Amino acid sequence: MKKLICIFGILFLTSGLAFAQGIPGDELINNAKLYNGKIVSYKGEAIGEVMRRGDYAWVNIREGNTVLGIWLPFTLAKEIAYAGSYNVRGDIVEVTGVFNRACPEHGGDLDIHAQALRKIVSGKQVKEKLNPAKANQALILLGVLFLVWILTLFLRK
């Protein structure tokens, strides 16, 4: 019975790590001293590329106008299938780990050393649709440019 209680206790304590209350990025940045060295949870879109560094990786996570660098084991980073770019919506993930105001391991940068990653929404390829109004404007401007060019040729003679 004691073993069962210990197992459930460990599961309960570690589940709190993976599902901590999310903190907005601007809150983390504006109150970096308060959160320094503490376990935080941060949620947003994975953007850029997953940059592997041996057994670890860097991932940038964007929440609103804030982007934070996340240092995590590569085994966790493999969960990210889509990183946001021009034609891709990145996976929405929640990372939980130690927040560093000025990480001594990474040259004094502000980062989070993730201990858990949970994918909330899978990313996807995005096809940009051509806006007909903009296409028409471009054709009209091209025509005007062509007429101006012809007029300058006649005026030079």
N, C-alpha and C. Protein backbone atom coordinates (compact mmCIF):
# COMPACT_ATOMS: atom_id res chain seq x y z
N MET A 1 0.83 -1.20 0.00
CA MET A 1 0.00 0.00 0.00
C MET A 1 0.87 1.26 0.00
N LYS A 2 1.97 1.23 0.78
CA LYS A 2 2.86 2.40 0.84
C LYS A 2 3.48 2.68 -0.53
N LYS A 3 3.81 1.59 -1.27
CA LYS A 3 4.39 1.78 -2.61
C LYS A 3 3.37 2.45 -3.52
N LEU A 4 2.12 2.04 -3.42
CA LEU A 4 1.07 2.62 -4.24
C LEU A 4 0.88 4.10 -3.93
N ILE A 5 0.90 4.45 -2.66
CA ILE A 5 0.78 5.85 -2.24
C ILE A 5 1.97 6.65 -2.77
N CYS A 6 3.16 6.10 -2.66
CA CYS A 6 4.36 6.79 -3.16
C CYS A 6 4.27 7.02 -4.67
N ILE A 7 3.82 5.99 -5.40
CA ILE A 7 3.71 6.12 -6.86
C ILE A 7 2.71 7.21 -7.21
N PHE A 8 1.53 7.20 -6.56
CA PHE A 8 0.54 8.25 -6.85
C PHE A 8 1.04 9.62 -6.42
N GLY A 9 1.78 9.70 -5.33
CA GLY A 9 2.35 10.97 -4.89
C GLY A 9 3.33 11.52 -5.90
N ILE A 10 4.19 10.66 -6.42
CA ILE A 10 5.18 11.09 -7.42
C ILE A 10 4.45 11.53 -8.69
N LEU A 11 3.45 10.76 -9.13
CA LEU A 11 2.69 11.15 -10.32
C LEU A 11 1.99 12.48 -10.11
N PHE A 12 1.44 12.70 -8.94
CA PHE A 12 0.75 13.96 -8.65
C PHE A 12 1.73 15.14 -8.68
N LEU A 13 2.88 14.97 -8.06
CA LEU A 13 3.86 16.06 -8.03
C LEU A 13 4.42 16.36 -9.40
N THR A 14 4.72 15.33 -10.18
CA THR A 14 5.29 15.59 -11.51
C THR A 14 4.24 16.07 -12.49
N SER A 15 2.97 15.71 -12.29
CA SER A 15 1.94 16.22 -13.20
C SER A 15 1.76 17.71 -13.02
N GLY A 16 2.01 18.24 -11.86
CA GLY A 16 1.96 19.68 -11.62
C GLY A 16 3.00 20.41 -12.44
N LEU A 17 4.13 19.75 -12.70
CA LEU A 17 5.18 20.34 -13.52
C LEU A 17 4.70 20.50 -14.96
N ALA A 18 4.03 19.50 -15.49
CA ALA A 18 3.63 19.53 -16.89
C ALA A 18 2.41 20.42 -17.14
N PHE A 19 1.62 20.69 -16.12
CA PHE A 19 0.40 21.45 -16.33
C PHE A 19 0.33 22.68 -15.44
N ALA A 20 1.46 23.36 -15.26
CA ALA A 20 1.50 24.58 -14.46
C ALA A 20 0.71 25.68 -15.17
N GLN A 21 0.30 26.69 -14.40
CA GLN A 21 -0.43 27.83 -14.97
C GLN A 21 0.48 28.59 -15.94
N GLY A 22 0.00 28.83 -17.16
CA GLY A 22 0.79 29.54 -18.16
C GLY A 22 0.98 31.00 -17.79
N ILE A 23 2.16 31.52 -18.07
CA ILE A 23 2.48 32.92 -17.79
C ILE A 23 2.74 33.61 -19.12
N PRO A 24 2.06 34.74 -19.39
CA PRO A 24 2.30 35.46 -20.64
C PRO A 24 3.75 35.93 -20.76
N GLY A 25 4.24 35.99 -21.99
CA GLY A 25 5.63 36.38 -22.23
C GLY A 25 5.97 37.76 -21.75
N ASP A 26 5.06 38.73 -21.95
CA ASP A 26 5.37 40.09 -21.48
C ASP A 26 5.45 40.14 -19.96
N GLU A 27 4.69 39.31 -19.28
CA GLU A 27 4.78 39.22 -17.81
C GLU A 27 6.15 38.67 -17.40
N LEU A 28 6.62 37.65 -18.10
CA LEU A 28 7.94 37.08 -17.80
C LEU A 28 9.05 38.11 -18.02
N ILE A 29 8.96 38.84 -19.11
CA ILE A 29 10.01 39.82 -19.43
C ILE A 29 9.97 41.01 -18.47
N ASN A 30 8.78 41.54 -18.22
CA ASN A 30 8.65 42.72 -17.35
C ASN A 30 8.97 42.43 -15.89
N ASN A 31 8.81 41.19 -15.47
CA ASN A 31 9.08 40.81 -14.08
C ASN A 31 10.10 39.69 -14.02
N ALA A 32 11.15 39.80 -14.82
CA ALA A 32 12.16 38.75 -14.95
C ALA A 32 12.83 38.43 -13.62
N LYS A 33 13.07 39.43 -12.78
CA LYS A 33 13.69 39.17 -11.48
C LYS A 33 12.81 38.29 -10.61
N LEU A 34 11.52 38.51 -10.68
CA LEU A 34 10.57 37.75 -9.87
C LEU A 34 10.54 36.28 -10.27
N TYR A 35 10.62 36.00 -11.56
CA TYR A 35 10.51 34.63 -12.05
C TYR A 35 11.85 33.92 -12.20
N ASN A 36 12.96 34.63 -12.05
CA ASN A 36 14.28 34.06 -12.27
C ASN A 36 14.50 32.81 -11.41
N GLY A 37 14.87 31.71 -12.07
CA GLY A 37 15.16 30.47 -11.37
C GLY A 37 13.93 29.66 -10.98
N LYS A 38 12.76 30.14 -11.31
CA LYS A 38 11.52 29.44 -10.95
C LYS A 38 10.98 28.64 -12.13
N ILE A 39 10.19 27.63 -11.81
CA ILE A 39 9.56 26.83 -12.85
C ILE A 39 8.34 27.58 -13.36
N VAL A 40 8.30 27.78 -14.66
CA VAL A 40 7.20 28.51 -15.30
C VAL A 40 6.64 27.67 -16.44
N SER A 41 5.48 28.04 -16.90
CA SER A 41 4.85 27.43 -18.06
C SER A 41 4.58 28.54 -19.06
N TYR A 42 4.93 28.29 -20.32
CA TYR A 42 4.80 29.30 -21.37
C TYR A 42 4.20 28.62 -22.59
N LYS A 43 3.18 29.25 -23.17
CA LYS A 43 2.47 28.65 -24.29
C LYS A 43 2.52 29.57 -25.50
N GLY A 44 2.74 28.99 -26.70
CA GLY A 44 2.73 29.77 -27.91
C GLY A 44 3.04 28.92 -29.13
N GLU A 45 3.25 29.62 -30.26
CA GLU A 45 3.53 28.95 -31.53
C GLU A 45 5.03 28.76 -31.72
N ALA A 46 5.42 27.55 -32.06
CA ALA A 46 6.81 27.28 -32.41
C ALA A 46 7.09 27.95 -33.75
N ILE A 47 8.14 28.79 -33.81
CA ILE A 47 8.46 29.51 -35.04
C ILE A 47 9.92 29.30 -35.42
N GLY A 48 10.23 29.63 -36.65
CA GLY A 48 11.61 29.49 -37.13
C GLY A 48 11.94 28.04 -37.39
N GLU A 49 13.03 27.58 -36.83
CA GLU A 49 13.45 26.19 -36.98
C GLU A 49 13.79 25.61 -35.62
N VAL A 50 13.70 24.30 -35.52
CA VAL A 50 14.22 23.60 -34.35
C VAL A 50 15.71 23.45 -34.61
N MET A 51 16.52 24.10 -33.78
CA MET A 51 17.97 24.13 -34.00
C MET A 51 18.66 23.14 -33.06
N ARG A 52 19.02 22.00 -33.60
CA ARG A 52 19.62 20.94 -32.79
C ARG A 52 21.04 21.30 -32.40
N ARG A 53 21.35 21.03 -31.12
CA ARG A 53 22.69 21.24 -30.58
C ARG A 53 23.06 19.99 -29.77
N GLY A 54 23.51 18.94 -30.47
CA GLY A 54 23.83 17.68 -29.81
C GLY A 54 22.56 17.02 -29.29
N ASP A 55 22.52 16.75 -27.98
CA ASP A 55 21.35 16.11 -27.37
C ASP A 55 20.27 17.11 -27.02
N TYR A 56 20.50 18.39 -27.29
CA TYR A 56 19.55 19.45 -26.95
C TYR A 56 19.17 20.22 -28.22
N ALA A 57 18.24 21.17 -28.05
CA ALA A 57 17.83 21.99 -29.19
C ALA A 57 17.30 23.33 -28.69
N TRP A 58 17.37 24.32 -29.55
CA TRP A 58 16.75 25.63 -29.33
C TRP A 58 15.48 25.69 -30.16
N VAL A 59 14.42 26.22 -29.55
CA VAL A 59 13.17 26.46 -30.25
C VAL A 59 12.68 27.83 -29.82
N ASN A 60 12.24 28.64 -30.76
CA ASN A 60 11.64 29.92 -30.43
C ASN A 60 10.13 29.76 -30.38
N ILE A 61 9.54 30.26 -29.29
CA ILE A 61 8.10 30.17 -29.09
C ILE A 61 7.55 31.59 -29.03
N ARG A 62 6.55 31.87 -29.90
CA ARG A 62 5.95 33.20 -29.96
C ARG A 62 4.56 33.17 -29.33
N GLU A 63 4.36 34.11 -28.44
CA GLU A 63 3.04 34.32 -27.82
C GLU A 63 2.74 35.80 -27.97
N GLY A 64 1.79 36.14 -28.84
CA GLY A 64 1.51 37.55 -29.12
C GLY A 64 2.70 38.18 -29.80
N ASN A 65 3.22 39.28 -29.22
CA ASN A 65 4.39 39.96 -29.76
C ASN A 65 5.69 39.54 -29.09
N THR A 66 5.61 38.56 -28.21
CA THR A 66 6.78 38.13 -27.44
C THR A 66 7.29 36.80 -27.96
N VAL A 67 8.61 36.72 -28.13
CA VAL A 67 9.25 35.47 -28.53
C VAL A 67 10.31 35.14 -27.50
N LEU A 68 10.26 33.91 -26.99
CA LEU A 68 11.26 33.46 -26.02
C LEU A 68 12.00 32.25 -26.57
N GLY A 69 13.30 32.21 -26.30
CA GLY A 69 14.11 31.06 -26.66
C GLY A 69 13.94 29.96 -25.63
N ILE A 70 13.73 28.75 -26.11
CA ILE A 70 13.53 27.60 -25.23
C ILE A 70 14.65 26.60 -25.49
N TRP A 71 15.34 26.22 -24.43
CA TRP A 71 16.41 25.21 -24.49
C TRP A 71 15.81 23.92 -23.95
N LEU A 72 15.82 22.86 -24.76
CA LEU A 72 15.18 21.64 -24.32
C LEU A 72 15.88 20.42 -24.87
N PRO A 73 15.70 19.27 -24.22
CA PRO A 73 16.27 18.04 -24.77
C PRO A 73 15.70 17.77 -26.15
N PHE A 74 16.55 17.27 -27.04
CA PHE A 74 16.11 17.04 -28.41
C PHE A 74 14.97 16.04 -28.48
N THR A 75 14.90 15.13 -27.52
CA THR A 75 13.79 14.16 -27.50
C THR A 75 12.46 14.87 -27.37
N LEU A 76 12.41 15.98 -26.62
CA LEU A 76 11.18 16.78 -26.52
C LEU A 76 10.95 17.60 -27.79
N ALA A 77 12.02 18.12 -28.35
CA ALA A 77 11.91 18.97 -29.55
C ALA A 77 11.37 18.18 -30.74
N LYS A 78 11.58 16.87 -30.75
CA LYS A 78 11.07 16.05 -31.86
C LYS A 78 9.55 16.03 -31.92
N GLU A 79 8.89 16.45 -30.84
CA GLU A 79 7.43 16.54 -30.83
C GLU A 79 6.92 17.63 -31.77
N ILE A 80 7.78 18.61 -32.08
CA ILE A 80 7.38 19.74 -32.91
C ILE A 80 7.51 19.33 -34.38
N ALA A 81 6.37 19.22 -35.04
CA ALA A 81 6.36 18.82 -36.45
C ALA A 81 6.39 20.03 -37.38
N TYR A 82 5.75 21.13 -36.97
CA TYR A 82 5.68 22.33 -37.79
C TYR A 82 6.18 23.53 -37.00
N ALA A 83 7.13 24.25 -37.58
CA ALA A 83 7.59 25.51 -37.01
C ALA A 83 7.13 26.62 -37.94
N GLY A 84 6.52 27.64 -37.37
CA GLY A 84 5.90 28.69 -38.16
C GLY A 84 6.87 29.45 -39.04
N SER A 85 6.41 29.77 -40.25
CA SER A 85 7.15 30.59 -41.21
C SER A 85 6.13 31.20 -42.15
N TYR A 86 6.57 31.69 -43.30
CA TYR A 86 5.68 32.38 -44.24
C TYR A 86 4.46 31.55 -44.61
N ASN A 87 4.69 30.29 -44.97
CA ASN A 87 3.57 29.48 -45.44
C ASN A 87 3.25 28.31 -44.50
N VAL A 88 3.65 28.42 -43.23
CA VAL A 88 3.40 27.37 -42.26
C VAL A 88 2.92 27.98 -40.95
N ARG A 89 1.85 27.42 -40.41
CA ARG A 89 1.45 27.75 -39.04
C ARG A 89 2.11 26.74 -38.14
N GLY A 90 2.88 27.22 -37.17
CA GLY A 90 3.61 26.32 -36.30
C GLY A 90 2.72 25.65 -35.27
N ASP A 91 3.23 24.55 -34.72
CA ASP A 91 2.54 23.87 -33.64
C ASP A 91 2.38 24.81 -32.45
N ILE A 92 1.23 24.76 -31.80
CA ILE A 92 1.03 25.49 -30.55
C ILE A 92 1.43 24.53 -29.44
N VAL A 93 2.42 24.95 -28.66
CA VAL A 93 2.96 24.09 -27.61
C VAL A 93 2.96 24.83 -26.28
N GLU A 94 3.03 24.05 -25.22
CA GLU A 94 3.21 24.59 -23.88
C GLU A 94 4.47 23.95 -23.33
N VAL A 95 5.41 24.79 -22.92
CA VAL A 95 6.64 24.29 -22.32
C VAL A 95 6.65 24.66 -20.85
N THR A 96 7.19 23.77 -20.05
CA THR A 96 7.34 24.02 -18.62
C THR A 96 8.79 23.78 -18.28
N GLY A 97 9.39 24.75 -17.59
CA GLY A 97 10.79 24.61 -17.23
C GLY A 97 11.27 25.79 -16.41
N VAL A 98 12.57 25.85 -16.22
CA VAL A 98 13.19 26.88 -15.39
C VAL A 98 13.44 28.14 -16.21
N PHE A 99 12.91 29.25 -15.74
CA PHE A 99 13.08 30.55 -16.39
C PHE A 99 14.40 31.16 -15.93
N ASN A 100 15.18 31.65 -16.87
CA ASN A 100 16.47 32.30 -16.58
C ASN A 100 16.45 33.72 -17.10
N ARG A 101 16.60 34.64 -16.19
CA ARG A 101 16.66 36.07 -16.57
C ARG A 101 17.93 36.37 -17.35
N ALA A 102 19.04 35.79 -16.90
CA ALA A 102 20.34 35.94 -17.57
C ALA A 102 21.07 34.61 -17.42
N CYS A 103 20.81 33.71 -18.35
CA CYS A 103 21.32 32.34 -18.26
C CYS A 103 22.85 32.31 -18.35
N PRO A 104 23.52 31.82 -17.30
CA PRO A 104 24.99 31.75 -17.35
C PRO A 104 25.49 30.72 -18.36
N GLU A 105 24.67 29.73 -18.66
CA GLU A 105 25.06 28.69 -19.61
C GLU A 105 24.98 29.16 -21.05
N HIS A 106 24.16 30.19 -21.32
CA HIS A 106 23.93 30.65 -22.68
C HIS A 106 24.24 32.14 -22.85
N GLY A 107 25.35 32.57 -22.30
CA GLY A 107 25.85 33.92 -22.55
C GLY A 107 25.00 35.04 -21.97
N GLY A 108 24.25 34.77 -20.92
CA GLY A 108 23.47 35.82 -20.28
C GLY A 108 22.13 36.10 -20.94
N ASP A 109 21.70 35.23 -21.85
CA ASP A 109 20.41 35.42 -22.52
C ASP A 109 19.25 35.05 -21.62
N LEU A 110 18.11 35.66 -21.87
CA LEU A 110 16.87 35.31 -21.20
C LEU A 110 16.32 34.07 -21.91
N ASP A 111 16.06 33.00 -21.17
CA ASP A 111 15.56 31.79 -21.79
C ASP A 111 14.80 30.93 -20.78
N ILE A 112 14.24 29.85 -21.29
CA ILE A 112 13.59 28.85 -20.45
C ILE A 112 14.25 27.51 -20.77
N HIS A 113 14.69 26.81 -19.72
CA HIS A 113 15.23 25.47 -19.88
C HIS A 113 14.07 24.50 -19.64
N ALA A 114 13.50 24.01 -20.73
CA ALA A 114 12.27 23.21 -20.66
C ALA A 114 12.54 21.83 -20.09
N GLN A 115 11.60 21.40 -19.26
CA GLN A 115 11.63 20.04 -18.70
C GLN A 115 10.47 19.22 -19.24
N ALA A 116 9.47 19.90 -19.79
CA ALA A 116 8.30 19.22 -20.36
C ALA A 116 7.78 20.04 -21.53
N LEU A 117 7.24 19.36 -22.52
CA LEU A 117 6.64 20.02 -23.68
C LEU A 117 5.35 19.26 -24.00
N ARG A 118 4.30 20.02 -24.22
CA ARG A 118 3.01 19.42 -24.57
C ARG A 118 2.48 20.14 -25.81
N LYS A 119 2.20 19.36 -26.86
CA LYS A 119 1.61 19.94 -28.07
C LYS A 119 0.12 20.12 -27.84
N ILE A 120 -0.36 21.35 -28.06
CA ILE A 120 -1.77 21.66 -27.84
C ILE A 120 -2.54 21.59 -29.16
N VAL A 121 -1.97 22.21 -30.21
CA VAL A 121 -2.59 22.21 -31.53
C VAL A 121 -1.50 21.95 -32.56
N SER A 122 -1.77 21.03 -33.47
CA SER A 122 -0.79 20.75 -34.53
C SER A 122 -0.80 21.86 -35.56
N GLY A 123 0.37 22.16 -36.08
CA GLY A 123 0.50 23.17 -37.12
C GLY A 123 0.09 22.61 -38.46
N LYS A 124 0.23 23.44 -39.50
CA LYS A 124 -0.15 22.99 -40.84
C LYS A 124 0.43 23.92 -41.89
N GLN A 125 0.48 23.42 -43.12
CA GLN A 125 0.85 24.24 -44.27
C GLN A 125 -0.29 25.21 -44.54
N VAL A 126 0.04 26.41 -44.94
CA VAL A 126 -0.98 27.43 -45.24
C VAL A 126 -0.77 27.88 -46.68
N LYS A 127 -1.85 27.83 -47.46
CA LYS A 127 -1.77 28.32 -48.84
C LYS A 127 -2.28 29.74 -48.86
N GLU A 128 -1.46 30.63 -49.35
CA GLU A 128 -1.86 32.03 -49.47
C GLU A 128 -2.74 32.19 -50.71
N LYS A 129 -3.88 32.80 -50.54
CA LYS A 129 -4.78 33.04 -51.66
C LYS A 129 -4.48 34.39 -52.28
N LEU A 130 -4.55 34.44 -53.59
CA LEU A 130 -4.32 35.68 -54.32
C LEU A 130 -5.53 36.59 -54.12
N ASN A 131 -5.28 37.79 -53.68
CA ASN A 131 -6.35 38.76 -53.49
C ASN A 131 -6.64 39.41 -54.85
N PRO A 132 -7.84 39.21 -55.40
CA PRO A 132 -8.15 39.74 -56.74
C PRO A 132 -8.03 41.27 -56.81
N ALA A 133 -8.42 41.97 -55.75
CA ALA A 133 -8.34 43.43 -55.77
C ALA A 133 -6.89 43.89 -55.88
N LYS A 134 -6.00 43.24 -55.14
CA LYS A 134 -4.58 43.61 -55.21
C LYS A 134 -3.98 43.25 -56.57
N ALA A 135 -4.41 42.13 -57.13
CA ALA A 135 -3.92 41.73 -58.45
C ALA A 135 -4.35 42.76 -59.50
N ASN A 136 -5.60 43.23 -59.42
CA ASN A 136 -6.09 44.25 -60.36
C ASN A 136 -5.32 45.55 -60.20
N GLN A 137 -5.06 45.95 -58.96
CA GLN A 137 -4.28 47.18 -58.71
C GLN A 137 -2.88 47.06 -59.30
N ALA A 138 -2.28 45.88 -59.13
CA ALA A 138 -0.94 45.68 -59.68
C ALA A 138 -0.95 45.78 -61.20
N LEU A 139 -1.95 45.21 -61.85
CA LEU A 139 -2.04 45.29 -63.31
C LEU A 139 -2.26 46.72 -63.78
N ILE A 140 -3.10 47.48 -63.07
CA ILE A 140 -3.34 48.88 -63.43
C ILE A 140 -2.05 49.69 -63.28
N LEU A 141 -1.35 49.49 -62.18
CA LEU A 141 -0.08 50.21 -61.98
C LEU A 141 0.96 49.82 -63.01
N LEU A 142 0.98 48.56 -63.39
CA LEU A 142 1.90 48.12 -64.44
C LEU A 142 1.56 48.81 -65.76
N GLY A 143 0.27 48.94 -66.08
CA GLY A 143 -0.16 49.64 -67.29
C GLY A 143 0.24 51.10 -67.26
N VAL A 144 0.05 51.75 -66.10
CA VAL A 144 0.43 53.17 -65.95
C VAL A 144 1.94 53.31 -66.12
N LEU A 145 2.70 52.42 -65.53
CA LEU A 145 4.15 52.46 -65.66
C LEU A 145 4.56 52.31 -67.12
N PHE A 146 3.92 51.41 -67.84
CA PHE A 146 4.21 51.20 -69.26
C PHE A 146 3.91 52.46 -70.07
N LEU A 147 2.77 53.12 -69.80
CA LEU A 147 2.42 54.36 -70.49
C LEU A 147 3.42 55.48 -70.19
N VAL A 148 3.83 55.60 -68.96
CA VAL A 148 4.83 56.62 -68.60
C VAL A 148 6.14 56.34 -69.32
N TRP A 149 6.53 55.11 -69.41
CA TRP A 149 7.77 54.74 -70.09
C TRP A 149 7.69 55.12 -71.58
N ILE A 150 6.55 54.82 -72.22
CA ILE A 150 6.35 55.16 -73.64
C ILE A 150 6.39 56.67 -73.82
N LEU A 151 5.72 57.43 -72.94
CA LEU A 151 5.73 58.89 -73.01
C LEU A 151 7.13 59.46 -72.88
N THR A 152 7.92 58.92 -72.00
CA THR A 152 9.30 59.43 -71.82
C THR A 152 10.12 59.13 -73.07
N LEU A 153 9.87 58.02 -73.75
CA LEU A 153 10.59 57.71 -74.99
C LEU A 153 10.24 58.74 -76.08
N PHE A 154 8.95 59.09 -76.19
CA PHE A 154 8.55 60.09 -77.21
C PHE A 154 9.06 61.48 -76.87
N LEU A 155 9.08 61.85 -75.61
CA LEU A 155 9.52 63.17 -75.21
C LEU A 155 11.03 63.35 -75.41
N ARG A 156 11.80 62.27 -75.38
CA ARG A 156 13.23 62.38 -75.59
C ARG A 156 13.55 62.67 -77.06
N LYS A 157 12.69 62.27 -77.96
CA LYS A 157 12.95 62.46 -79.40
C LYS A 157 12.55 63.79 -79.85
